[in-house]
Amino acid sequence: GEFDAVTISFGLRNVVDVAKALAEM
């Protein structure tokens, strides 16, 4: 809960585990 907003542009496509990345966000 550190951030009011989390954003990612043209990078999620390059992540090896999208579900894990979204859970972390």
PDB file of all heavy atoms in Angstrom:
ATOM      1  N   GLY A   1       0.786  -1.228   0.000  1.00  0.00           N
ATOM      2  CA  GLY A   1       0.000   0.000   0.000  1.00  0.00           C
ATOM      3  C   GLY A   1       0.817   1.276   0.000  1.00  0.00           C
ATOM      4  O   GLY A   1       0.383   2.291   0.548  1.00  0.00           O
ATOM      5  N   GLU A   2       1.965   1.265  -0.660  1.00  0.00           N
ATOM      6  CA  GLU A   2       2.848   2.430  -0.623  1.00  0.00           C
ATOM      7  C   GLU A   2       2.461   3.527  -1.612  1.00  0.00           C
ATOM      8  O   GLU A   2       2.778   4.703  -1.405  1.00  0.00           O
ATOM      9  CB  GLU A   2       4.291   1.992  -0.889  1.00  0.00           C
ATOM     10  CG  GLU A   2       5.327   3.090  -0.734  1.00  0.00           C
ATOM     11  CD  GLU A   2       6.759   2.584  -0.771  1.00  0.00           C
ATOM     12  OE1 GLU A   2       6.979   1.372  -0.591  1.00  0.00           O
ATOM     13  OE2 GLU A   2       7.671   3.413  -0.984  1.00  0.00           O
ATOM     14  N   PHE A   3       1.743   3.162  -2.686  1.00  0.00           N
ATOM     15  CA  PHE A   3       1.507   4.118  -3.764  1.00  0.00           C
ATOM     16  C   PHE A   3       0.015   4.401  -4.000  1.00  0.00           C
ATOM     17  O   PHE A   3      -0.819   3.503  -3.935  1.00  0.00           O
ATOM     18  CB  PHE A   3       2.131   3.602  -5.062  1.00  0.00           C
ATOM     19  CG  PHE A   3       3.622   3.454  -4.987  1.00  0.00           C
ATOM     20  CD1 PHE A   3       4.201   2.232  -4.649  1.00  0.00           C
ATOM     21  CD2 PHE A   3       4.458   4.533  -5.231  1.00  0.00           C
ATOM     22  CE1 PHE A   3       5.568   2.092  -4.568  1.00  0.00           C
ATOM     23  CE2 PHE A   3       5.827   4.404  -5.142  1.00  0.00           C
ATOM     24  CZ  PHE A   3       6.388   3.185  -4.809  1.00  0.00           C
ATOM     25  N   ASP A   4      -0.264   5.661  -4.305  1.00  0.00           N
ATOM     26  CA  ASP A   4      -1.624   6.061  -4.659  1.00  0.00           C
ATOM     27  C   ASP A   4      -1.994   5.593  -6.057  1.00  0.00           C
ATOM     28  O   ASP A   4      -3.171   5.380  -6.357  1.00  0.00           O
ATOM     29  CB  ASP A   4      -1.758   7.584  -4.587  1.00  0.00           C
ATOM     30  CG  ASP A   4      -1.553   8.110  -3.183  1.00  0.00           C
ATOM     31  OD1 ASP A   4      -2.498   8.050  -2.388  1.00  0.00           O
ATOM     32  OD2 ASP A   4      -0.426   8.558  -2.877  1.00  0.00           O
ATOM     33  N   ALA A   5      -0.996   5.468  -6.898  1.00  0.00           N
ATOM     34  CA  ALA A   5      -1.225   4.993  -8.264  1.00  0.00           C
ATOM     35  C   ALA A   5      -0.009   4.209  -8.725  1.00  0.00           C
ATOM     36  O   ALA A   5       1.133   4.581  -8.438  1.00  0.00           O
ATOM     37  CB  ALA A   5      -1.487   6.157  -9.209  1.00  0.00           C
ATOM     38  N   VAL A   6      -0.269   3.126  -9.431  1.00  0.00           N
ATOM     39  CA  VAL A   6       0.787   2.338 -10.064  1.00  0.00           C
ATOM     40  C   VAL A   6       0.471   2.287 -11.552  1.00  0.00           C
ATOM     41  O   VAL A   6      -0.660   1.998 -11.950  1.00  0.00           O
ATOM     42  CB  VAL A   6       0.855   0.908  -9.491  1.00  0.00           C
ATOM     43  CG1 VAL A   6       1.927   0.096 -10.223  1.00  0.00           C
ATOM     44  CG2 VAL A   6       1.144   0.939  -7.998  1.00  0.00           C
ATOM     45  N   THR A   7       1.467   2.595 -12.366  1.00  0.00           N
ATOM     46  CA  THR A   7       1.242   2.621 -13.802  1.00  0.00           C
ATOM     47  C   THR A   7       2.398   1.943 -14.519  1.00  0.00           C
ATOM     48  O   THR A   7       3.528   1.918 -14.025  1.00  0.00           O
ATOM     49  CB  THR A   7       1.057   4.072 -14.297  1.00  0.00           C
ATOM     50  OG1 THR A   7       0.808   4.070 -15.713  1.00  0.00           O
ATOM     51  CG2 THR A   7       2.279   4.916 -14.000  1.00  0.00           C
ATOM     52  N   ILE A   8       2.092   1.367 -15.662  1.00  0.00           N
ATOM     53  CA  ILE A   8       3.122   0.730 -16.486  1.00  0.00           C
ATOM     54  C   ILE A   8       2.736   0.920 -17.944  1.00  0.00           C
ATOM     55  O   ILE A   8       1.602   0.638 -18.340  1.00  0.00           O
ATOM     56  CB  ILE A   8       3.292  -0.763 -16.128  1.00  0.00           C
ATOM     57  CG1 ILE A   8       4.395  -1.411 -16.974  1.00  0.00           C
ATOM     58  CG2 ILE A   8       1.986  -1.526 -16.237  1.00  0.00           C
ATOM     59  CD1 ILE A   8       4.795  -2.803 -16.479  1.00  0.00           C
ATOM     60  N   SER A   9       3.660   1.430 -18.735  1.00  0.00           N
ATOM     61  CA  SER A   9       3.396   1.691 -20.151  1.00  0.00           C
ATOM     62  C   SER A   9       4.348   0.879 -21.020  1.00  0.00           C
ATOM     63  O   SER A   9       5.575   1.002 -20.897  1.00  0.00           O
ATOM     64  CB  SER A   9       3.554   3.181 -20.459  1.00  0.00           C
ATOM     65  OG  SER A   9       2.566   3.948 -19.812  1.00  0.00           O
ATOM     66  N   PHE A  10       3.780   0.040 -21.853  1.00  0.00           N
ATOM     67  CA  PHE A  10       4.539  -0.759 -22.819  1.00  0.00           C
ATOM     68  C   PHE A  10       5.602  -1.625 -22.146  1.00  0.00           C
ATOM     69  O   PHE A  10       6.681  -1.832 -22.703  1.00  0.00           O
ATOM     70  CB  PHE A  10       5.167   0.147 -23.878  1.00  0.00           C
ATOM     71  CG  PHE A  10       4.170   1.054 -24.532  1.00  0.00           C
ATOM     72  CD1 PHE A  10       4.188   2.425 -24.301  1.00  0.00           C
ATOM     73  CD2 PHE A  10       3.170   0.546 -25.343  1.00  0.00           C
ATOM     74  CE1 PHE A  10       3.242   3.262 -24.877  1.00  0.00           C
ATOM     75  CE2 PHE A  10       2.214   1.381 -25.927  1.00  0.00           C
ATOM     76  CZ  PHE A  10       2.253   2.737 -25.703  1.00  0.00           C
ATOM     77  N   GLY A  11       5.290  -2.106 -20.945  1.00  0.00           N
ATOM     78  CA  GLY A  11       6.251  -2.937 -20.233  1.00  0.00           C
ATOM     79  C   GLY A  11       5.672  -4.248 -19.741  1.00  0.00           C
ATOM     80  O   GLY A  11       6.397  -5.235 -19.598  1.00  0.00           O
ATOM     81  N   LEU A  12       4.383  -4.283 -19.486  1.00  0.00           N
ATOM     82  CA  LEU A  12       3.773  -5.505 -18.966  1.00  0.00           C
ATOM     83  C   LEU A  12       3.944  -6.655 -19.957  1.00  0.00           C
ATOM     84  O   LEU A  12       4.090  -7.815 -19.576  1.00  0.00           O
ATOM     85  CB  LEU A  12       2.286  -5.270 -18.676  1.00  0.00           C
ATOM     86  CG  LEU A  12       1.562  -6.382 -17.919  1.00  0.00           C
ATOM     87  CD1 LEU A  12       2.192  -6.611 -16.551  1.00  0.00           C
ATOM     88  CD2 LEU A  12       0.083  -6.053 -17.756  1.00  0.00           C
ATOM     89  N   ARG A  13       3.946  -6.314 -21.221  1.00  0.00           N
ATOM     90  CA  ARG A  13       4.114  -7.297 -22.295  1.00  0.00           C
ATOM     91  C   ARG A  13       5.468  -8.020 -22.218  1.00  0.00           C
ATOM     92  O   ARG A  13       5.628  -9.145 -22.713  1.00  0.00           O
ATOM     93  CB  ARG A  13       3.992  -6.563 -23.637  1.00  0.00           C
ATOM     94  CG  ARG A  13       3.855  -7.407 -24.871  1.00  0.00           C
ATOM     95  CD  ARG A  13       3.850  -6.527 -26.118  1.00  0.00           C
ATOM     96  NE  ARG A  13       5.171  -5.965 -26.385  1.00  0.00           N
ATOM     97  CZ  ARG A  13       5.554  -4.732 -26.068  1.00  0.00           C
ATOM     98  NH1 ARG A  13       4.700  -3.910 -25.481  1.00  0.00           N
ATOM     99  NH2 ARG A  13       6.765  -4.296 -26.345  1.00  0.00           N
ATOM    100  N   ASN A  14       6.434  -7.390 -21.570  1.00  0.00           N
ATOM    101  CA  ASN A  14       7.785  -7.955 -21.495  1.00  0.00           C
ATOM    102  C   ASN A  14       8.050  -8.743 -20.216  1.00  0.00           C
ATOM    103  O   ASN A  14       9.155  -9.246 -20.023  1.00  0.00           O
ATOM    104  CB  ASN A  14       8.822  -6.820 -21.601  1.00  0.00           C
ATOM    105  CG  ASN A  14       8.690  -6.042 -22.891  1.00  0.00           C
ATOM    106  OD1 ASN A  14       8.491  -6.617 -23.951  1.00  0.00           O
ATOM    107  ND2 ASN A  14       8.791  -4.718 -22.804  1.00  0.00           N
ATOM    108  N   VAL A  15       7.056  -8.813 -19.339  1.00  0.00           N
ATOM    109  CA  VAL A  15       7.235  -9.478 -18.049  1.00  0.00           C
ATOM    110  C   VAL A  15       7.045 -10.985 -18.209  1.00  0.00           C
ATOM    111  O   VAL A  15       6.125 -11.440 -18.890  1.00  0.00           O
ATOM    112  CB  VAL A  15       6.225  -8.928 -17.022  1.00  0.00           C
ATOM    113  CG1 VAL A  15       6.335  -9.680 -15.698  1.00  0.00           C
ATOM    114  CG2 VAL A  15       6.489  -7.440 -16.788  1.00  0.00           C
ATOM    115  N   VAL A  16       7.907 -11.746 -17.559  1.00  0.00           N
ATOM    116  CA  VAL A  16       7.875 -13.206 -17.698  1.00  0.00           C
ATOM    117  C   VAL A  16       6.628 -13.821 -17.072  1.00  0.00           C
ATOM    118  O   VAL A  16       6.109 -14.827 -17.553  1.00  0.00           O
ATOM    119  CB  VAL A  16       9.155 -13.827 -17.100  1.00  0.00           C
ATOM    120  CG1 VAL A  16       9.231 -13.611 -15.596  1.00  0.00           C
ATOM    121  CG2 VAL A  16       9.256 -15.313 -17.437  1.00  0.00           C
ATOM    122  N   ASP A  17       6.104 -13.223 -15.989  1.00  0.00           N
ATOM    123  CA  ASP A  17       4.925 -13.741 -15.299  1.00  0.00           C
ATOM    124  C   ASP A  17       3.960 -12.580 -15.054  1.00  0.00           C
ATOM    125  O   ASP A  17       4.063 -11.868 -14.049  1.00  0.00           O
ATOM    126  CB  ASP A  17       5.330 -14.393 -13.971  1.00  0.00           C
ATOM    127  CG  ASP A  17       4.199 -15.159 -13.304  1.00  0.00           C
ATOM    128  OD1 ASP A  17       3.021 -14.815 -13.548  1.00  0.00           O
ATOM    129  OD2 ASP A  17       4.475 -16.090 -12.523  1.00  0.00           O
ATOM    130  N   VAL A  18       3.024 -12.391 -15.977  1.00  0.00           N
ATOM    131  CA  VAL A  18       2.118 -11.250 -15.929  1.00  0.00           C
ATOM    132  C   VAL A  18       1.222 -11.289 -14.699  1.00  0.00           C
ATOM    133  O   VAL A  18       1.006 -10.270 -14.029  1.00  0.00           O
ATOM    134  CB  VAL A  18       1.263 -11.174 -17.212  1.00  0.00           C
ATOM    135  CG1 VAL A  18       0.179 -10.111 -17.092  1.00  0.00           C
ATOM    136  CG2 VAL A  18       2.148 -10.888 -18.416  1.00  0.00           C
ATOM    137  N   ALA A  19       0.701 -12.467 -14.362  1.00  0.00           N
ATOM    138  CA  ALA A  19      -0.183 -12.591 -13.203  1.00  0.00           C
ATOM    139  C   ALA A  19       0.543 -12.206 -11.916  1.00  0.00           C
ATOM    140  O   ALA A  19      -0.015 -11.510 -11.056  1.00  0.00           O
ATOM    141  CB  ALA A  19      -0.723 -14.020 -13.100  1.00  0.00           C
ATOM    142  N   LYS A  20       1.770 -12.638 -11.790  1.00  0.00           N
ATOM    143  CA  LYS A  20       2.550 -12.315 -10.596  1.00  0.00           C
ATOM    144  C   LYS A  20       2.842 -10.824 -10.526  1.00  0.00           C
ATOM    145  O   LYS A  20       2.802 -10.215  -9.458  1.00  0.00           O
ATOM    146  CB  LYS A  20       3.850 -13.113 -10.587  1.00  0.00           C
ATOM    147  CG  LYS A  20       4.617 -13.061  -9.270  1.00  0.00           C
ATOM    148  CD  LYS A  20       5.797 -14.013  -9.289  1.00  0.00           C
ATOM    149  CE  LYS A  20       6.533 -13.986  -7.947  1.00  0.00           C
ATOM    150  NZ  LYS A  20       7.695 -14.924  -7.955  1.00  0.00           N
ATOM    151  N   ALA A  21       3.145 -10.225 -11.672  1.00  0.00           N
ATOM    152  CA  ALA A  21       3.417  -8.786 -11.716  1.00  0.00           C
ATOM    153  C   ALA A  21       2.181  -7.984 -11.324  1.00  0.00           C
ATOM    154  O   ALA A  21       2.265  -7.022 -10.550  1.00  0.00           O
ATOM    155  CB  ALA A  21       3.890  -8.375 -13.102  1.00  0.00           C
ATOM    156  N   LEU A  22       1.017  -8.372 -11.840  1.00  0.00           N
ATOM    157  CA  LEU A  22      -0.218  -7.668 -11.496  1.00  0.00           C
ATOM    158  C   LEU A  22      -0.538  -7.822 -10.009  1.00  0.00           C
ATOM    159  O   LEU A  22      -1.015  -6.877  -9.372  1.00  0.00           O
ATOM    160  CB  LEU A  22      -1.371  -8.194 -12.344  1.00  0.00           C
ATOM    161  CG  LEU A  22      -1.351  -7.795 -13.826  1.00  0.00           C
ATOM    162  CD1 LEU A  22      -2.419  -8.558 -14.593  1.00  0.00           C
ATOM    163  CD2 LEU A  22      -1.547  -6.291 -13.992  1.00  0.00           C
ATOM    164  N   ALA A  23      -0.260  -8.996  -9.456  1.00  0.00           N
ATOM    165  CA  ALA A  23      -0.482  -9.206  -8.019  1.00  0.00           C
ATOM    166  C   ALA A  23       0.432  -8.308  -7.193  1.00  0.00           C
ATOM    167  O   ALA A  23       0.015  -7.756  -6.164  1.00  0.00           O
ATOM    168  CB  ALA A  23      -0.242 -10.667  -7.667  1.00  0.00           C
ATOM    169  N   GLU A  24       1.663  -8.136  -7.647  1.00  0.00           N
ATOM    170  CA  GLU A  24       2.598  -7.261  -6.951  1.00  0.00           C
ATOM    171  C   GLU A  24       2.162  -5.799  -7.048  1.00  0.00           C
ATOM    172  O   GLU A  24       2.269  -5.035  -6.088  1.00  0.00           O
ATOM    173  CB  GLU A  24       4.005  -7.427  -7.535  1.00  0.00           C
ATOM    174  CG  GLU A  24       4.795  -8.568  -6.950  1.00  0.00           C
ATOM    175  CD  GLU A  24       5.178  -8.288  -5.502  1.00  0.00           C
ATOM    176  OE1 GLU A  24       6.221  -7.674  -5.256  1.00  0.00           O
ATOM    177  OE2 GLU A  24       4.399  -8.668  -4.607  1.00  0.00           O
ATOM    178  N   MET A  25       1.686  -5.399  -8.200  1.00  0.00           N
ATOM    179  CA  MET A  25       1.198  -4.031  -8.360  1.00  0.00           C
ATOM    180  C   MET A  25       0.009  -3.790  -7.435  1.00  0.00           C
ATOM    181  O   MET A  25      -0.098  -2.720  -6.816  1.00  0.00           O
ATOM    182  CB  MET A  25       0.808  -3.783  -9.819  1.00  0.00           C
ATOM    183  CG  MET A  25       1.979  -3.801 -10.784  1.00  0.00           C
ATOM    184  SD  MET A  25       1.445  -3.548 -12.504  1.00  0.00           S
ATOM    185  CE  MET A  25       2.748  -4.421 -13.371  1.00  0.00           C
TER     186      MET A  25
END
